[in-house]
């Protein structure tokens, strides 16, 4: 549903105007998987090999990203004006360094503007946020393990980081949406939701099989309704009631952890 929502949004499908929140769900899933692997290594070895983790991420992400950027620049040389080529070349430079989200903040770029789709590198903002998460999250968990060995210390740090990130993001949404939307520390709460979700998945293994099956049943109809209620540019998240992005993240964490617990049975 998350993938379908994002695709539908970018193709202008009016039935799912809130499809852009599928990216929020991707962030939750990334938080779940990365936190699970990192905590497993910490539990098993009492340490974390940061260089091995970073090298693995680079091998997985860089080749495809650089290929897309280079192919886009080559195509742009034939179809874009010199002024557009100059502008998008700068975008390509920031995209290749996984920093285009910061470039978009610098120009207060509106993701929901009518001409946003004309920027061939704007979609790299979410990849930049993820890569910055990959850089900081392992170091944070390693510090938590050093201060307080075991999973409890890490879970406490994840929870605190998530709460602080959500509160600041919700406040900034009403002050400066580009910062709330693109700035990676203000997306930490979604990765943290996934990280806490993996802890919930491990806990739910103790439940009866019937309860696990019930918790892991997906409800695509309800998810589609949530995506259809949101509009382009809806302020997310917001206080005192979190916006749909927050609700989708919470739902994603709960369902993904339930399905993962069932799969790991």
Protein backbone atom coordinates (compact mmCIF):
# COMPACT_ATOMS: atom_id res chain seq x y z
CA UNK A 1 0.00 0.00 0.00
CA UNK A 2 2.86 2.40 0.78
CA UNK A 3 4.49 1.80 -2.62
CA UNK A 4 1.16 2.12 -4.42
CA UNK A 5 0.40 5.34 -2.56
CA UNK A 6 3.68 7.00 -3.52
CA UNK A 7 3.35 5.96 -7.17
CA UNK A 8 -0.27 7.12 -7.30
CA UNK A 9 0.67 10.49 -5.79
CA UNK A 10 3.41 11.18 -8.33
CA UNK A 11 1.18 10.15 -11.23
CA UNK A 12 -1.53 12.52 -10.00
CA UNK A 13 -4.09 9.85 -9.10
CA UNK A 14 -6.80 11.82 -7.28
CA UNK A 15 -8.14 8.82 -5.39
CA UNK A 16 -5.06 8.76 -3.12
CA UNK A 17 -4.03 12.39 -2.59
CA UNK A 18 -2.26 11.42 0.63
CA UNK A 19 -0.12 8.79 -1.08
CA UNK A 20 3.00 10.84 -0.32
CA UNK A 21 2.83 9.55 3.27
CA UNK A 22 3.99 6.19 1.95
CA UNK A 23 7.50 7.62 2.42
CA UNK A 24 6.75 7.92 6.14
CA UNK A 25 5.99 4.20 6.19
CA UNK A 26 9.27 3.47 4.40
CA UNK A 27 11.10 5.37 7.15
CA UNK A 28 9.37 3.26 9.80
CA UNK A 29 10.32 0.03 8.03
CA UNK A 30 13.94 1.20 7.70
CA UNK A 31 14.01 2.02 11.40
CA UNK A 32 12.65 -1.43 12.19
CA UNK A 33 15.13 -3.38 10.07
CA UNK A 34 18.25 -1.37 10.84
CA UNK A 35 17.56 -1.24 14.58
CA UNK A 36 16.88 -4.97 14.63
CA UNK A 37 20.20 -5.82 12.95
CA UNK A 38 22.20 -3.37 15.06
CA UNK A 39 20.71 -4.52 18.37
CA UNK A 40 21.30 -8.15 17.39
CA UNK A 41 24.98 -7.39 16.80
CA UNK A 42 25.25 -5.45 20.07
CA UNK A 43 23.58 -8.29 21.99
CA UNK A 44 25.79 -10.94 20.40
CA UNK A 45 29.18 -9.22 20.42
CA UNK A 46 28.73 -6.46 23.03
CA UNK A 47 30.05 -4.02 20.43
CA UNK A 48 29.19 -2.53 17.05
CA UNK A 49 31.43 -2.53 13.99
CA UNK A 50 30.52 0.87 12.56
CA UNK A 51 32.91 0.74 9.60
CA UNK A 52 31.52 -2.60 8.43
CA UNK A 53 27.99 -1.24 8.68
CA UNK A 54 28.82 1.92 6.73
CA UNK A 55 30.68 -0.04 4.04
CA UNK A 56 27.72 -2.40 3.64
CA UNK A 57 25.32 0.54 3.22
CA UNK A 58 27.61 2.20 0.66
CA UNK A 59 27.90 -0.97 -1.43
CA UNK A 60 24.14 -1.37 -1.39
CA UNK A 61 23.08 2.21 -2.17
CA UNK A 62 25.82 4.09 -4.03
CA UNK A 63 26.02 2.16 -7.35
CA UNK A 64 22.32 2.48 -8.20
CA UNK A 65 22.09 6.09 -7.02
CA UNK A 66 25.13 7.24 -8.99
CA UNK A 67 23.89 5.43 -12.10
CA UNK A 68 20.51 7.20 -11.93
CA UNK A 69 22.16 10.60 -11.37
CA UNK A 70 24.59 10.18 -14.28
CA UNK A 71 21.89 8.87 -16.61
CA UNK A 72 19.66 11.82 -15.71
CA UNK A 73 22.45 14.31 -16.39
CA UNK A 74 23.22 12.73 -19.76
CA UNK A 75 19.55 12.82 -20.76
CA UNK A 76 19.28 16.41 -19.50
CA UNK A 77 22.11 17.49 -21.79
CA UNK A 78 19.82 16.75 -24.75
CA UNK A 79 16.47 18.03 -23.51
CA UNK A 80 17.18 20.83 -21.00
CA UNK A 81 18.12 24.45 -21.55
CA UNK A 82 21.60 25.61 -20.41
CA UNK A 83 20.02 27.40 -17.43
CA UNK A 84 18.15 24.26 -16.37
CA UNK A 85 21.27 22.15 -16.83
CA UNK A 86 23.22 24.48 -14.54
CA UNK A 87 20.53 24.38 -11.85
CA UNK A 88 20.01 20.63 -11.97
CA UNK A 89 23.75 19.95 -12.04
CA UNK A 90 23.95 21.55 -8.61
CA UNK A 91 21.04 19.39 -7.54
CA UNK A 92 22.89 16.33 -8.85
CA UNK A 93 25.97 17.26 -6.83
CA UNK A 94 23.97 17.42 -3.60
CA UNK A 95 22.02 14.27 -4.49
CA UNK A 96 25.24 12.30 -5.07
CA UNK A 97 26.42 13.37 -1.60
CA UNK A 98 23.03 12.47 -0.07
CA UNK A 99 22.57 16.06 1.05
CA UNK A 100 19.91 17.31 -1.32
CA UNK A 101 17.40 17.61 1.52
CA UNK A 102 19.62 20.33 3.00
CA UNK A 103 19.83 22.05 -0.40
CA UNK A 104 16.04 22.02 -0.64
CA UNK A 105 15.79 23.54 2.84
CA UNK A 106 18.22 26.26 1.78
CA UNK A 107 15.85 27.28 -1.01
CA UNK A 108 12.68 26.62 1.03
CA UNK A 109 11.62 24.25 -1.73
CA UNK A 110 7.92 23.35 -1.67
CA UNK A 111 7.55 19.62 -2.29
CA UNK A 112 3.87 20.14 -3.10
CA UNK A 113 4.30 23.02 -5.55
CA UNK A 114 2.88 22.56 -9.03
CA UNK A 115 6.35 22.68 -10.64
CA UNK A 116 8.05 20.39 -8.10
CA UNK A 117 7.85 17.41 -10.45
CA UNK A 118 10.02 19.24 -12.99
CA UNK A 119 13.06 18.84 -10.71
CA UNK A 120 14.52 15.43 -11.63
CA UNK A 121 16.41 15.08 -8.34
CA UNK A 122 13.78 16.15 -5.82
CA UNK A 123 12.92 12.52 -5.04
CA UNK A 124 16.45 12.07 -3.67
CA UNK A 125 15.41 14.01 -0.56
CA UNK A 126 14.07 10.86 1.10
CA UNK A 127 17.20 8.88 0.17
CA UNK A 128 19.29 11.66 1.71
CA UNK A 129 17.28 11.51 4.93
CA UNK A 130 17.73 7.73 5.08
CA UNK A 131 21.47 7.90 4.44
CA UNK A 132 21.90 10.53 7.15
CA UNK A 133 19.91 8.25 9.45
CA UNK A 134 22.27 5.38 8.58
CA UNK A 135 25.23 7.55 9.55
CA UNK A 136 23.90 8.71 12.91
CA UNK A 137 21.71 5.88 14.21
CA UNK A 138 24.41 3.19 14.66
CA UNK A 139 26.63 5.66 16.53
CA UNK A 140 23.71 6.57 18.80
CA UNK A 141 22.95 2.92 19.59
CA UNK A 142 26.64 2.20 20.15
CA UNK A 143 26.78 5.07 22.64
CA UNK A 144 23.65 3.77 24.38
CA UNK A 145 25.17 0.29 24.62
CA UNK A 146 28.37 1.75 26.08
CA UNK A 147 26.50 3.80 28.68
CA UNK A 148 24.10 1.02 29.61
CA UNK A 149 24.80 -2.45 28.19
CA UNK A 150 21.82 -4.44 26.98
CA UNK A 151 18.71 -3.68 24.98
CA UNK A 152 16.95 -1.65 27.65
CA UNK A 153 19.39 1.22 27.39
CA UNK A 154 19.03 1.30 23.62
CA UNK A 155 15.23 1.21 23.80
CA UNK A 156 15.28 4.10 26.28
CA UNK A 157 17.50 6.18 23.99
CA UNK A 158 15.31 5.37 20.97
CA UNK A 159 12.20 6.41 22.86
CA UNK A 160 13.68 9.70 24.04
CA UNK A 161 15.06 10.53 20.59
CA UNK A 162 11.69 9.78 19.01
CA UNK A 163 9.72 11.93 21.45
CA UNK A 164 12.05 14.92 21.12
CA UNK A 165 12.09 14.64 17.32
CA UNK A 166 8.30 14.42 17.09
CA UNK A 167 7.71 17.38 19.41
CA UNK A 168 10.12 19.66 17.53
CA UNK A 169 8.82 18.48 14.14
CA UNK A 170 5.20 19.13 15.14
CA UNK A 171 6.12 22.62 16.33
CA UNK A 172 8.17 23.48 13.24
CA UNK A 173 5.39 22.29 10.95
CA UNK A 174 3.48 25.45 11.89
CA UNK A 175 6.59 27.65 11.63
CA UNK A 176 8.63 26.38 8.67
CA UNK A 177 7.32 23.38 6.76
CA UNK A 178 10.46 22.88 4.63
CA UNK A 179 12.51 22.34 7.79
CA UNK A 180 9.92 20.00 9.28
CA UNK A 181 9.63 18.09 6.01
CA UNK A 182 13.25 17.74 4.84
CA UNK A 183 15.47 17.99 7.94
CA UNK A 184 16.56 14.47 8.90
CA UNK A 185 16.67 14.97 12.73
CA UNK A 186 12.99 15.90 12.52
CA UNK A 187 12.27 12.57 10.82
CA UNK A 188 13.97 10.56 13.56
CA UNK A 189 10.64 9.96 15.30
CA UNK A 190 9.52 7.79 12.35
CA UNK A 191 12.69 5.69 12.40
CA UNK A 192 12.33 5.49 16.19
CA UNK A 193 8.77 4.19 15.76
CA UNK A 194 10.18 1.36 13.68
CA UNK A 195 12.96 0.76 16.21
CA UNK A 196 10.44 0.48 19.03
CA UNK A 197 8.31 -1.67 16.76
CA UNK A 198 11.05 -4.28 16.49
CA UNK A 199 11.11 -4.44 20.29
CA UNK A 200 7.36 -4.97 20.18
CA UNK A 201 7.79 -7.75 17.63
CA UNK A 202 10.14 -9.60 19.95
CA UNK A 203 7.71 -9.12 22.84
CA UNK A 204 4.73 -10.31 20.82
CA UNK A 205 6.39 -13.67 20.21
CA UNK A 206 5.28 -14.55 23.73
CA UNK A 207 1.61 -14.13 22.76
CA UNK A 208 -0.59 -17.04 21.63
CA UNK A 209 -0.41 -17.83 17.90
CA UNK A 210 -4.03 -16.75 17.36
CA UNK A 211 -3.32 -13.31 18.81
CA UNK A 212 -0.23 -12.93 16.62
CA UNK A 213 -2.22 -13.85 13.51
CA UNK A 214 -4.94 -11.35 14.37
CA UNK A 215 -2.41 -8.58 14.98
CA UNK A 216 -0.63 -9.25 11.70
CA UNK A 217 -3.67 -9.12 9.43
CA UNK A 218 -3.38 -6.19 7.05
CA UNK A 219 -6.39 -4.04 6.28
CA UNK A 220 -5.71 -2.47 2.90
CA UNK A 221 -9.17 -0.94 2.74
CA UNK A 222 -8.61 1.03 5.94
CA UNK A 223 -5.14 2.07 4.79
CA UNK A 224 -6.51 3.29 1.47
CA UNK A 225 -9.12 5.35 3.30
CA UNK A 226 -6.41 7.04 5.38
CA UNK A 227 -4.45 7.90 2.25
CA UNK A 228 -7.55 9.25 0.52
CA UNK A 229 -8.42 11.61 3.40
CA UNK A 230 -5.13 13.51 3.28
CA UNK A 231 -4.61 16.35 0.83
CA UNK A 232 -1.47 17.71 -0.84
CA UNK A 233 0.45 19.91 1.56
CA UNK A 234 -1.43 18.79 4.67
CA UNK A 235 0.63 19.88 7.72
CA UNK A 236 2.27 16.76 9.17
CA UNK A 237 2.63 16.09 11.99
CA UNK A 238 0.68 18.49 14.14
CA UNK A 239 -0.15 18.85 17.81
CA UNK A 240 -2.12 18.15 19.92
CA UNK A 241 -3.40 15.56 17.49
CA UNK A 242 -0.70 14.00 15.30
CA UNK A 243 -1.33 14.32 11.61
CA UNK A 244 -1.90 11.41 9.28
CA UNK A 245 1.83 10.99 8.76
CA UNK A 246 2.15 10.28 12.46
CA UNK A 247 -0.82 7.94 12.42
CA UNK A 248 0.50 6.08 9.37
CA UNK A 249 3.88 5.72 11.05
CA UNK A 250 2.33 4.34 14.22
CA UNK A 251 0.10 1.96 12.27
CA UNK A 252 3.05 0.86 10.12
CA UNK A 253 5.18 0.16 13.18
CA UNK A 254 2.43 -1.85 14.83
CA UNK A 255 1.52 -3.90 11.79
CA UNK A 256 5.05 -4.45 10.56
CA UNK A 257 6.15 -5.64 14.00
CA UNK A 258 3.16 -7.98 14.20
CA UNK A 259 3.87 -9.45 10.77
CA UNK A 260 7.57 -9.76 11.56
CA UNK A 261 6.84 -11.54 14.81
CA UNK A 262 4.68 -14.02 12.94
CA UNK A 263 7.38 -14.54 10.30
CA UNK A 264 10.06 -15.11 12.94
CA UNK A 265 7.99 -17.65 14.76
